[in-house]
Amino acid sequence: MRVTTDDLLGALREAMARPEAEDGLTTKEIMAATGLGQKPVIAWLHAQRAAGRLEVVTVQRADLGGRTQRVVGYRMKKAKRAA
C-alpha cells in the first residue's frame, strides 16, 4: 500500500480535530493516527518542517504514573489565505 501526502495530511487533520490534540501531537500519536511506523513518520515530519508547514511545539502528556511531562510535539501551521 502506498501512502500519499494527502493521506497523511487527512489522517493528521482528523487526529488534530480531537480536543485533546489542540496543542499538537507527539510522534507516537501521529504514528497511531496514520498507521505508519517511526521511519516514514519522521521522514514526513522532516519534509513538512523543511517546507515550512510544520511547527515544533512543546506539549504536556501524562506518564504512566499520572505525572504531567513536557514532550516534543508537532502542529501543522495554518494555511495563509491568498489576498
Protein backbone atom coordinates (compact mmCIF):
# COMPACT_ATOMS: atom_id res chain seq x y z
CA MET A 1 0.00 0.00 0.00
CA ARG A 2 1.33 3.40 -0.98
CA VAL A 3 0.53 6.32 1.30
CA THR A 4 0.37 9.79 -0.21
CA THR A 5 0.98 13.13 1.45
CA ASP A 6 -2.76 13.80 1.13
CA ASP A 7 -3.47 10.58 3.06
CA LEU A 8 -1.08 11.66 5.81
CA LEU A 9 -2.47 15.19 5.94
CA GLY A 10 -6.02 13.84 6.11
CA ALA A 11 -5.16 11.50 8.98
CA LEU A 12 -3.25 14.26 10.74
CA ARG A 13 -6.11 16.77 10.37
CA GLU A 14 -8.52 14.17 11.72
CA ALA A 15 -6.27 13.49 14.70
CA MET A 16 -5.73 17.22 15.31
CA ALA A 17 -9.50 17.79 15.36
CA ARG A 18 -9.75 15.95 18.67
CA PRO A 19 -9.94 18.35 21.65
CA GLU A 20 -7.00 16.71 23.45
CA ALA A 21 -4.75 17.33 20.43
CA GLU A 22 -5.26 21.06 20.06
CA ASP A 23 -1.79 21.77 21.45
CA GLY A 24 -0.11 19.38 18.97
CA LEU A 25 0.66 15.69 18.53
CA THR A 26 3.68 13.62 19.52
CA THR A 27 5.45 11.33 17.07
CA LYS A 28 3.77 8.30 18.67
CA GLU A 29 0.35 9.92 18.35
CA ILE A 30 0.99 10.68 14.67
CA MET A 31 2.12 7.08 14.17
CA ALA A 32 -1.11 5.83 15.75
CA ALA A 33 -3.26 8.22 13.71
CA THR A 34 -1.64 7.33 10.39
CA GLY A 35 -0.91 3.66 10.98
CA LEU A 36 2.68 4.19 9.85
CA GLY A 37 5.94 3.27 11.54
CA GLN A 38 8.51 5.59 13.02
CA LYS A 39 10.82 5.92 9.98
CA PRO A 40 8.19 7.12 7.48
CA VAL A 41 6.59 9.45 10.04
CA ILE A 42 9.95 11.00 10.96
CA ALA A 43 10.85 11.42 7.28
CA TRP A 44 7.48 13.05 6.62
CA LEU A 45 7.87 15.37 9.65
CA HIS A 46 11.30 16.48 8.41
CA ALA A 47 9.93 17.16 4.93
CA GLN A 48 6.96 19.14 6.27
CA ARG A 49 9.18 21.19 8.57
CA ALA A 50 11.63 21.93 5.74
CA ALA A 51 8.68 23.09 3.61
CA GLY A 52 7.58 25.43 6.41
CA ARG A 53 4.26 23.63 7.01
CA LEU A 54 5.05 22.20 10.43
CA GLU A 55 5.63 23.86 13.77
CA VAL A 56 7.62 22.14 16.54
CA VAL A 57 5.93 22.73 19.90
CA THR A 58 6.08 21.51 23.48
CA VAL A 59 3.04 19.55 24.63
CA GLN A 60 2.10 18.18 28.03
CA ARG A 61 1.32 14.49 28.37
CA ALA A 62 0.75 12.32 31.42
CA ASP A 63 3.14 9.44 32.03
CA LEU A 64 2.08 6.05 33.42
CA GLY A 65 2.33 7.41 36.96
CA GLY A 66 -0.08 10.23 36.14
CA ARG A 67 2.58 12.94 36.26
CA THR A 68 2.46 15.57 33.54
CA GLN A 69 5.59 15.88 31.44
CA ARG A 70 6.55 18.27 28.68
CA VAL A 71 7.47 16.49 25.45
CA VAL A 72 8.14 17.49 21.84
CA GLY A 73 5.07 17.70 19.65
CA TYR A 74 4.15 18.91 16.20
CA ARG A 75 1.39 21.10 14.86
CA MET A 76 0.53 21.97 11.28
CA LYS A 77 0.78 25.67 10.55
CA LYS A 78 -2.42 27.32 9.42
CA ALA A 79 -2.52 27.95 5.70
CA LYS A 80 -2.19 31.60 4.73
CA ARG A 81 -5.06 32.98 2.72
CA ALA A 82 -4.35 34.45 -0.69
CA ALA A 83 -5.13 38.14 -0.91
